Amino acid sequence: MKHKQMKVCGMRNVENIQQILKSNIDYIGFIFYEKSSRNVKDSQATKFAHLDFGNTKKIGVFVDEKIEIVKDKVEKFKLDGVQLHGDESPDYCSALSKDLLVFKAIAIKSRQDFDAADAYHDKVAMMLFDTKSDKLKGGTGKKFDWSLLESYKGPTPFLLSGGIQPSDIDILKTFMHPYFAGVDLNSGFEISPALKNENLITAFTKAFKANK
């Protein structure tokens, strides 16, 4: 894909969000999962409502949440899309994709794990490949073996996630895969949970989106 897309996830602090939005990112992620240290509370919806997100799409991150609750968060926070990190079924995704961008996270540890994506290709706008954990659902902050991506044959574009660091910029700038849409940044760019280093995000985004 020609346009390299950038998603910054796990945001919560209003002032931090305002600074990150200046970096020309495509998506900003808000986590609605109580077990996450980056969980966003309903009380913050009013503060977010006064922010100008411009062309940046707001994506809510959920893990095996009741669909009624997802729709409630979408309304409260005026979300443009959802990212699903649990065992949500294709039908679940399809029900949401009628009105929203839907990203389905697939946890990867071996080549066989890409098979799980097959059931979702006509249900979602984007795949998100993250690192599989035997204990955690949601992001792990760790990388999987990126060479495994050779096993993914599409046709749905994907964001690469899981433990991406500022030092990964050189390999990501030259990363070649016909369905590679962009990257999802989180813990590798944080000062503390939900607080991003604005300078690191700005520099990485500028370098990543620069022409090869």
Protein backbone atom coordinates (compact mmCIF):
# COMPACT_ATOMS: atom_id res chain seq x y z
CA MET A 1 0.00 0.00 0.00
CA LYS A 2 1.33 3.43 -0.94
CA HIS A 3 0.09 5.35 2.07
CA LYS A 4 1.81 4.26 5.26
CA GLN A 5 -0.67 4.43 8.10
CA MET A 6 0.17 5.24 11.68
CA LYS A 7 -1.87 4.36 14.74
CA VAL A 8 -0.94 5.47 18.24
CA CYS A 9 -2.78 3.46 20.86
CA GLY A 10 -3.35 3.65 24.59
CA MET A 11 -4.00 7.39 24.82
CA ARG A 12 -5.82 9.07 27.69
CA ASN A 13 -4.25 12.38 28.74
CA VAL A 14 -5.94 15.32 26.98
CA GLU A 15 -2.84 17.51 26.70
CA ASN A 16 -0.79 14.55 25.48
CA ILE A 17 -3.45 13.74 22.88
CA GLN A 18 -3.39 17.32 21.61
CA GLN A 19 0.37 17.12 21.07
CA ILE A 20 0.27 13.68 19.43
CA LEU A 21 -2.43 14.82 16.99
CA LYS A 22 0.08 17.29 15.55
CA SER A 23 2.17 14.35 14.30
CA ASN A 24 -0.11 13.59 11.34
CA ILE A 25 -1.20 10.18 12.60
CA ASP A 26 -4.07 8.31 10.95
CA TYR A 27 -5.63 6.63 13.98
CA ILE A 28 -5.61 7.23 17.71
CA GLY A 29 -6.59 4.38 20.02
CA PHE A 30 -8.51 4.49 23.28
CA ILE A 31 -8.55 1.32 25.35
CA PHE A 32 -11.82 0.29 26.99
CA TYR A 33 -10.61 -2.74 28.89
CA GLU A 34 -10.64 -2.56 32.67
CA LYS A 35 -7.63 -4.85 33.08
CA SER A 36 -5.46 -2.46 31.09
CA SER A 37 -3.37 0.22 32.81
CA ARG A 38 -4.42 2.48 29.92
CA ASN A 39 -8.16 1.99 30.42
CA VAL A 40 -10.31 5.03 29.61
CA LYS A 41 -13.22 5.91 31.89
CA ASP A 42 -16.59 7.24 30.73
CA SER A 43 -15.96 10.40 32.74
CA GLN A 44 -13.34 11.43 30.18
CA ALA A 45 -15.79 11.55 27.29
CA THR A 46 -16.66 15.19 27.95
CA LYS A 47 -13.00 16.22 27.87
CA PHE A 48 -12.40 14.38 24.61
CA ALA A 49 -15.48 15.98 23.05
CA HIS A 50 -13.74 19.36 23.03
CA LEU A 51 -10.68 18.11 21.15
CA ASP A 52 -10.23 18.68 17.42
CA PHE A 53 -9.18 15.33 15.98
CA GLY A 54 -9.12 16.63 12.42
CA ASN A 55 -8.64 13.75 9.98
CA THR A 56 -7.39 11.37 12.67
CA LYS A 57 -9.83 8.52 13.24
CA LYS A 58 -10.76 7.56 16.81
CA ILE A 59 -10.56 3.83 17.43
CA GLY A 60 -11.88 2.15 20.58
CA VAL A 61 -10.09 -1.00 21.72
CA PHE A 62 -12.21 -3.77 23.26
CA VAL A 63 -11.67 -7.32 24.51
CA ASP A 64 -14.65 -9.71 24.42
CA GLU A 65 -17.03 -6.91 25.37
CA LYS A 66 -20.81 -7.11 25.06
CA ILE A 67 -21.79 -5.53 21.79
CA GLU A 68 -24.28 -3.22 23.53
CA ILE A 69 -21.49 -1.79 25.67
CA VAL A 70 -19.28 -1.31 22.60
CA LYS A 71 -22.05 0.63 20.88
CA ASP A 72 -22.53 2.74 24.02
CA LYS A 73 -18.83 3.68 24.06
CA VAL A 74 -18.97 4.45 20.34
CA GLU A 75 -21.77 6.92 20.99
CA LYS A 76 -20.26 8.47 24.12
CA PHE A 77 -16.81 8.99 22.59
CA LYS A 78 -17.94 9.52 18.98
CA LEU A 79 -15.64 6.73 17.80
CA ASP A 80 -14.96 6.14 14.12
CA GLY A 81 -14.03 2.51 14.60
CA VAL A 82 -13.27 -0.35 16.95
CA GLN A 83 -10.31 -2.67 17.41
CA LEU A 84 -11.25 -6.11 18.73
CA HIS A 85 -8.61 -7.98 20.71
CA GLY A 86 -10.54 -10.97 22.03
CA ASP A 87 -12.35 -13.99 20.62
CA GLU A 88 -15.01 -11.95 18.84
CA SER A 89 -16.76 -13.95 16.14
CA PRO A 90 -17.01 -12.97 12.47
CA ASP A 91 -20.72 -12.27 12.99
CA TYR A 92 -19.88 -9.95 15.89
CA CYS A 93 -17.46 -8.06 13.65
CA SER A 94 -19.96 -7.93 10.81
CA ALA A 95 -22.63 -6.41 13.05
CA LEU A 96 -20.30 -3.53 13.92
CA SER A 97 -18.79 -3.05 10.48
CA LYS A 98 -22.07 -1.74 9.08
CA ASP A 99 -21.42 1.64 10.69
CA LEU A 100 -17.79 1.54 11.83
CA LEU A 101 -14.26 0.75 10.81
CA VAL A 102 -13.50 -2.63 12.37
CA PHE A 103 -9.95 -3.82 13.06
CA LYS A 104 -9.55 -7.43 14.17
CA ALA A 105 -6.47 -8.28 16.18
CA ILE A 106 -4.95 -11.69 15.53
CA ALA A 107 -2.39 -13.00 18.02
CA ILE A 108 0.67 -14.47 16.35
CA LYS A 109 3.26 -16.94 17.55
CA SER A 110 3.53 -19.40 14.64
CA ARG A 111 2.69 -19.51 10.94
CA GLN A 112 -0.53 -21.41 11.68
CA ASP A 113 -1.90 -18.47 13.66
CA PHE A 114 -2.52 -16.56 10.43
CA ASP A 115 -5.22 -19.11 9.57
CA ALA A 116 -7.45 -17.42 12.15
CA ALA A 117 -7.68 -14.37 9.89
CA ASP A 118 -9.43 -16.29 7.13
CA ALA A 119 -12.88 -16.09 8.70
CA TYR A 120 -12.75 -12.28 8.96
CA HIS A 121 -11.66 -11.11 5.52
CA ASP A 122 -15.09 -9.94 4.38
CA LYS A 123 -16.07 -8.69 7.83
CA VAL A 124 -13.37 -6.15 8.76
CA ALA A 125 -11.48 -3.22 7.27
CA MET A 126 -8.10 -4.12 8.75
CA MET A 127 -6.23 -6.89 10.49
CA LEU A 128 -3.86 -6.10 13.33
CA PHE A 129 -1.14 -8.66 13.98
CA ASP A 130 0.09 -8.67 17.57
CA THR A 131 2.12 -11.01 19.75
CA LYS A 132 0.39 -14.04 21.21
CA SER A 133 0.46 -14.50 24.96
CA ASP A 134 -0.71 -17.52 26.92
CA LYS A 135 -1.82 -15.27 29.78
CA LEU A 136 -2.78 -11.86 28.40
CA LYS A 137 -5.43 -10.60 26.02
CA GLY A 138 -4.75 -7.29 24.39
CA GLY A 139 -1.30 -5.92 23.70
CA THR A 140 1.75 -7.57 25.24
CA GLY A 141 4.39 -4.95 24.41
CA LYS A 142 6.56 -7.69 22.90
CA LYS A 143 7.49 -8.55 19.31
CA PHE A 144 6.73 -11.73 17.47
CA ASP A 145 8.99 -13.05 14.72
CA TRP A 146 8.19 -10.66 11.85
CA SER A 147 9.54 -13.12 9.29
CA LEU A 148 6.36 -15.14 9.94
CA LEU A 149 4.42 -12.47 8.05
CA GLU A 150 5.54 -14.12 4.83
CA SER A 151 2.81 -16.67 5.55
CA TYR A 152 0.05 -14.07 5.35
CA LYS A 153 -1.43 -13.93 1.85
CA GLY A 154 -4.19 -11.37 2.43
CA PRO A 155 -6.48 -10.01 1.08
CA THR A 156 -7.18 -7.74 4.07
CA PRO A 157 -4.50 -5.09 4.82
CA PHE A 158 -2.83 -5.23 8.22
CA LEU A 159 -1.23 -3.04 10.84
CA LEU A 160 1.84 -4.44 12.54
CA SER A 161 1.75 -4.24 16.32
CA GLY A 162 3.59 -5.58 19.33
CA GLY A 163 6.66 -4.10 20.95
CA ILE A 164 7.61 -1.65 18.22
CA GLN A 165 10.42 0.65 19.39
CA PRO A 166 11.91 3.86 17.97
CA SER A 167 14.97 1.82 16.98
CA ASP A 168 12.83 -0.26 14.59
CA ILE A 169 12.36 2.62 12.14
CA ASP A 170 15.02 1.53 9.64
CA ILE A 171 13.67 -1.98 9.17
CA LEU A 172 10.06 -0.78 9.04
CA LYS A 173 10.82 1.83 6.38
CA THR A 174 12.03 -0.91 4.08
CA PHE A 175 9.57 -3.60 5.16
CA MET A 176 7.97 -5.15 2.10
CA HIS A 177 4.66 -6.99 2.14
CA PRO A 178 1.78 -6.40 -0.30
CA TYR A 179 -0.78 -6.05 2.52
CA PHE A 180 1.33 -4.10 5.01
CA ALA A 181 -0.69 -0.94 5.75
CA GLY A 182 1.26 0.53 8.64
CA VAL A 183 2.11 0.26 12.32
CA ASP A 184 0.47 0.48 15.70
CA LEU A 185 2.59 2.18 18.38
CA ASN A 186 2.08 2.00 22.13
CA SER A 187 4.33 1.02 25.05
CA GLY A 188 7.63 1.44 23.18
CA PHE A 189 6.95 5.19 23.00
CA GLU A 190 5.69 5.79 26.53
CA ILE A 191 6.95 7.80 29.45
CA SER A 192 4.43 5.98 31.64
CA PRO A 193 1.22 4.02 30.87
CA ALA A 194 -1.04 6.11 28.59
CA LEU A 195 1.48 8.99 28.41
CA LYS A 196 3.44 9.10 25.16
CA ASN A 197 6.77 10.76 24.43
CA GLU A 198 5.70 13.39 21.93
CA ASN A 199 9.17 13.88 20.44
CA LEU A 200 9.63 10.16 19.79
CA ILE A 201 6.22 9.89 18.13
CA THR A 202 6.83 12.94 15.94
CA ALA A 203 10.26 11.79 14.80
CA PHE A 204 9.12 8.23 14.12
CA THR A 205 6.04 9.32 12.18
CA LYS A 206 8.00 11.74 10.03
CA ALA A 207 10.63 9.12 9.20
CA PHE A 208 8.09 6.33 8.63
CA LYS A 209 5.93 8.34 6.26
CA ALA A 210 8.84 9.84 4.33
CA ASN A 211 9.32 8.68 0.76
CA LYS A 212 11.71 5.78 0.37
